[in-house]
Amino acid sequence: MYRSTLMTQLQTDLATGNISVSTELPYTAGSDALNIKNMKTLYLGNDEQNITQFQEFLGGNDYDQTETTINAYLSVDAKNPPADLDTRIASITSARSAVANVVSRQCETTTEIESDIITYTFEYTFLTI
C-alpha cells in the first residue's frame, strides 16, 4: 500500500552517495539478515496493517482506523561509516512525508551496535481513518 511510495522516495533521496536501496524481498536469506551481509543497503519491509473499528463515532457511523507499519533496515561498518551518514539517516526518516492522505505519519529510529556493525531500524507508521 505505502511501500511503493516510500521506495520511490527513498530511491530518489539516496540516488547520490554510497547508500543504496534494495527493491527485493525478503531481506533475509535463510537465517542471515541481508542488511548485515550487504552493508550500506537499505531494505524495506512489507506493509503490515492493524485495523481498529470505532462505533458510534461522528453521528452514529462506524469508522475504521488503519495503522500501517513498515520497517526498514540499514547496517554500516561502525569503524568506517559513510561520511554523510547523518544526512542519509535524516533523508530516510523524512521519506515518510511522501505518503499522502494519512492523518499521521511517523518514523521512529533505533540503533543497535554488534560486532563493529551499526544497524539502524526505521519504523514508519501511517494512520488513516
C-alpha atoms as a PDB file:
ATOM      1  CA  MET A   1       0.000   0.000   0.000  1.00  0.00           C
ATOM      2  CA  TYR A   2       2.557   2.619   1.115  1.00  0.00           C
ATOM      3  CA  ARG A   3       5.722   0.591   0.458  1.00  0.00           C
ATOM      4  CA  SER A   4       5.940   1.588  -3.213  1.00  0.00           C
ATOM      5  CA  THR A   5       5.581   5.301  -2.376  1.00  0.00           C
ATOM      6  CA  LEU A   6       8.284   5.046   0.288  1.00  0.00           C
ATOM      7  CA  MET A   7      10.507   3.028  -2.048  1.00  0.00           C
ATOM      8  CA  THR A   8      10.284   5.662  -4.792  1.00  0.00           C
ATOM      9  CA  GLN A   9      11.044   8.479  -2.347  1.00  0.00           C
ATOM     10  CA  LEU A  10      13.972   6.627  -0.783  1.00  0.00           C
ATOM     11  CA  GLN A  11      15.460   5.796  -4.186  1.00  0.00           C
ATOM     12  CA  THR A  12      15.244   9.482  -5.139  1.00  0.00           C
ATOM     13  CA  ASP A  13      16.659  10.738  -1.837  1.00  0.00           C
ATOM     14  CA  LEU A  14      19.515   8.220  -1.786  1.00  0.00           C
ATOM     15  CA  ALA A  15      20.330   8.309  -5.522  1.00  0.00           C
ATOM     16  CA  THR A  16      23.613  10.055  -4.833  1.00  0.00           C
ATOM     17  CA  GLY A  17      26.002   8.859  -2.170  1.00  0.00           C
ATOM     18  CA  ASN A  18      27.016   5.396  -1.118  1.00  0.00           C
ATOM     19  CA  ILE A  19      23.829   4.022   0.477  1.00  0.00           C
ATOM     20  CA  SER A  20      21.608   2.091  -1.909  1.00  0.00           C
ATOM     21  CA  VAL A  21      18.014   0.865  -1.658  1.00  0.00           C
ATOM     22  CA  SER A  22      17.128  -2.770  -2.310  1.00  0.00           C
ATOM     23  CA  THR A  23      13.853  -3.377  -4.132  1.00  0.00           C
ATOM     24  CA  GLU A  24      13.895  -7.076  -3.314  1.00  0.00           C
ATOM     25  CA  LEU A  25      12.032  -9.052  -0.699  1.00  0.00           C
ATOM     26  CA  PRO A  26      12.665 -10.859   1.527  1.00  0.00           C
ATOM     27  CA  TYR A  27      15.534  -9.143   3.282  1.00  0.00           C
ATOM     28  CA  THR A  28      16.732 -12.432   4.765  1.00  0.00           C
ATOM     29  CA  ALA A  29      18.475 -15.355   3.100  1.00  0.00           C
ATOM     30  CA  GLY A  30      17.828 -18.342   5.310  1.00  0.00           C
ATOM     31  CA  SER A  31      18.712 -17.140   8.788  1.00  0.00           C
ATOM     32  CA  ASP A  32      21.041 -14.368   7.557  1.00  0.00           C
ATOM     33  CA  ALA A  33      19.826 -10.783   7.517  1.00  0.00           C
ATOM     34  CA  LEU A  34      20.834  -9.323   4.168  1.00  0.00           C
ATOM     35  CA  ASN A  35      21.333  -5.862   5.660  1.00  0.00           C
ATOM     36  CA  ILE A  36      24.252  -7.357   7.642  1.00  0.00           C
ATOM     37  CA  LYS A  37      25.628  -9.219   4.633  1.00  0.00           C
ATOM     38  CA  ASN A  38      25.164  -6.263   2.240  1.00  0.00           C
ATOM     39  CA  MET A  39      26.027  -3.271   4.357  1.00  0.00           C
ATOM     40  CA  LYS A  40      25.146   0.229   3.154  1.00  0.00           C
ATOM     41  CA  THR A  41      21.985  -1.183   1.533  1.00  0.00           C
ATOM     42  CA  LEU A  42      18.582  -0.178   2.888  1.00  0.00           C
ATOM     43  CA  TYR A  43      15.995  -2.974   2.992  1.00  0.00           C
ATOM     44  CA  LEU A  44      12.322  -2.020   3.169  1.00  0.00           C
ATOM     45  CA  GLY A  45       9.787  -4.499   4.535  1.00  0.00           C
ATOM     46  CA  ASN A  46       6.157  -5.051   3.561  1.00  0.00           C
ATOM     47  CA  ASP A  47       3.167  -3.089   4.785  1.00  0.00           C
ATOM     48  CA  GLU A  48       1.681  -4.531   7.961  1.00  0.00           C
ATOM     49  CA  GLN A  49      -1.819  -3.334   8.834  1.00  0.00           C
ATOM     50  CA  ASN A  50      -3.785  -3.222  12.054  1.00  0.00           C
ATOM     51  CA  ILE A  51      -7.426  -2.123  11.773  1.00  0.00           C
ATOM     52  CA  THR A  52      -9.433  -0.839  14.746  1.00  0.00           C
ATOM     53  CA  GLN A  53     -13.156  -0.199  14.373  1.00  0.00           C
ATOM     54  CA  PHE A  54     -14.750   2.788  16.103  1.00  0.00           C
ATOM     55  CA  GLN A  55     -18.506   2.538  16.651  1.00  0.00           C
ATOM     56  CA  GLU A  56     -20.959   5.329  17.341  1.00  0.00           C
ATOM     57  CA  PHE A  57     -18.481   7.929  16.167  1.00  0.00           C
ATOM     58  CA  LEU A  58     -19.475  11.175  14.470  1.00  0.00           C
ATOM     59  CA  GLY A  59     -23.217  10.751  14.264  1.00  0.00           C
ATOM     60  CA  GLY A  60     -23.575   7.020  14.805  1.00  0.00           C
ATOM     61  CA  ASN A  61     -21.465   5.834  11.874  1.00  0.00           C
ATOM     62  CA  ASP A  62     -18.791   3.168  12.174  1.00  0.00           C
ATOM     63  CA  TYR A  63     -15.266   4.139  11.185  1.00  0.00           C
ATOM     64  CA  ASP A  64     -12.071   2.168  10.918  1.00  0.00           C
ATOM     65  CA  GLN A  65      -8.660   3.406  11.964  1.00  0.00           C
ATOM     66  CA  THR A  66      -5.932   1.696   9.965  1.00  0.00           C
ATOM     67  CA  GLU A  67      -2.386   1.727  11.272  1.00  0.00           C
ATOM     68  CA  THR A  68       0.157   0.682   8.660  1.00  0.00           C
ATOM     69  CA  THR A  69       3.695  -0.123   9.785  1.00  0.00           C
ATOM     70  CA  ILE A  70       6.698  -0.614   7.505  1.00  0.00           C
ATOM     71  CA  ASN A  71      10.153  -1.446   8.841  1.00  0.00           C
ATOM     72  CA  ALA A  72      13.387  -0.603   7.067  1.00  0.00           C
ATOM     73  CA  TYR A  73      16.877  -1.819   7.970  1.00  0.00           C
ATOM     74  CA  LEU A  74      20.324  -0.398   7.243  1.00  0.00           C
ATOM     75  CA  SER A  75      23.672  -1.634   8.535  1.00  0.00           C
ATOM     76  CA  VAL A  76      27.044   0.096   8.270  1.00  0.00           C
ATOM     77  CA  ASP A  77      30.577  -0.610   9.440  1.00  0.00           C
ATOM     78  CA  ALA A  78      30.984   1.098  12.814  1.00  0.00           C
ATOM     79  CA  LYS A  79      34.698   1.648  12.222  1.00  0.00           C
ATOM     80  CA  ASN A  80      34.252   3.126   8.753  1.00  0.00           C
ATOM     81  CA  PRO A  81      30.756   4.664   8.407  1.00  0.00           C
ATOM     82  CA  PRO A  82      29.838   6.719   5.343  1.00  0.00           C
ATOM     83  CA  ALA A  83      30.937  10.346   5.699  1.00  0.00           C
ATOM     84  CA  ASP A  84      27.400  11.626   5.052  1.00  0.00           C
ATOM     85  CA  LEU A  85      25.644   9.092   7.287  1.00  0.00           C
ATOM     86  CA  ASP A  86      23.797  11.700   9.383  1.00  0.00           C
ATOM     87  CA  THR A  87      22.410  13.322   6.236  1.00  0.00           C
ATOM     88  CA  ARG A  88      21.347   9.934   4.845  1.00  0.00           C
ATOM     89  CA  ILE A  89      19.640   8.967   8.127  1.00  0.00           C
ATOM     90  CA  ALA A  90      17.726  12.263   8.029  1.00  0.00           C
ATOM     91  CA  SER A  91      16.683  11.564   4.414  1.00  0.00           C
ATOM     92  CA  ILE A  92      15.485   8.064   5.280  1.00  0.00           C
ATOM     93  CA  THR A  93      13.475   9.415   8.213  1.00  0.00           C
ATOM     94  CA  SER A  94      11.927  12.290   6.248  1.00  0.00           C
ATOM     95  CA  ALA A  95      10.825   9.992   3.403  1.00  0.00           C
ATOM     96  CA  ARG A  96       7.642   9.467   5.449  1.00  0.00           C
ATOM     97  CA  SER A  97       6.399  12.833   4.152  1.00  0.00           C
ATOM     98  CA  ALA A  98       5.966  11.313   0.662  1.00  0.00           C
ATOM     99  CA  VAL A  99       2.950   9.297   1.853  1.00  0.00           C
ATOM    100  CA  ALA A 100      -0.222  11.301   1.268  1.00  0.00           C
ATOM    101  CA  ASN A 101      -3.800  11.073   2.515  1.00  0.00           C
ATOM    102  CA  VAL A 102      -2.988   9.974   6.067  1.00  0.00           C
ATOM    103  CA  VAL A 103      -3.803  11.696   9.351  1.00  0.00           C
ATOM    104  CA  SER A 104      -0.438  10.834  10.895  1.00  0.00           C
ATOM    105  CA  ARG A 105       2.979   9.830   9.529  1.00  0.00           C
ATOM    106  CA  GLN A 106       5.842   8.972  11.846  1.00  0.00           C
ATOM    107  CA  CYS A 107       9.246   7.344  11.679  1.00  0.00           C
ATOM    108  CA  GLU A 108      10.995   6.044  14.773  1.00  0.00           C
ATOM    109  CA  THR A 109      14.668   5.139  14.504  1.00  0.00           C
ATOM    110  CA  THR A 110      16.511   2.717  16.765  1.00  0.00           C
ATOM    111  CA  THR A 111      20.190   1.836  16.686  1.00  0.00           C
ATOM    112  CA  GLU A 112      21.971  -1.374  17.639  1.00  0.00           C
ATOM    113  CA  ILE A 113      25.723  -1.986  17.690  1.00  0.00           C
ATOM    114  CA  GLU A 114      27.048  -5.528  17.474  1.00  0.00           C
ATOM    115  CA  SER A 115      30.483  -6.764  16.362  1.00  0.00           C
ATOM    116  CA  ASP A 116      31.519  -3.434  14.805  1.00  0.00           C
ATOM    117  CA  ILE A 117      28.260  -3.214  12.844  1.00  0.00           C
ATOM    118  CA  ILE A 118      25.734  -0.442  13.430  1.00  0.00           C
ATOM    119  CA  THR A 119      22.209  -1.453  12.455  1.00  0.00           C
ATOM    120  CA  TYR A 120      19.533   1.200  12.097  1.00  0.00           C
ATOM    121  CA  THR A 121      15.897   0.155  12.224  1.00  0.00           C
ATOM    122  CA  PHE A 122      13.354   2.633  10.882  1.00  0.00           C
ATOM    123  CA  GLU A 123       9.730   2.018  11.832  1.00  0.00           C
ATOM    124  CA  TYR A 124       7.372   4.002   9.631  1.00  0.00           C
ATOM    125  CA  THR A 125       3.814   4.305  10.948  1.00  0.00           C
ATOM    126  CA  PHE A 126       0.886   5.751   8.990  1.00  0.00           C
ATOM    127  CA  LEU A 127      -2.655   6.275  10.318  1.00  0.00           C
ATOM    128  CA  THR A 128      -5.836   6.639   8.294  1.00  0.00           C
ATOM    129  CA  ILE A 129      -9.449   6.915   9.419  1.00  0.00           C
END
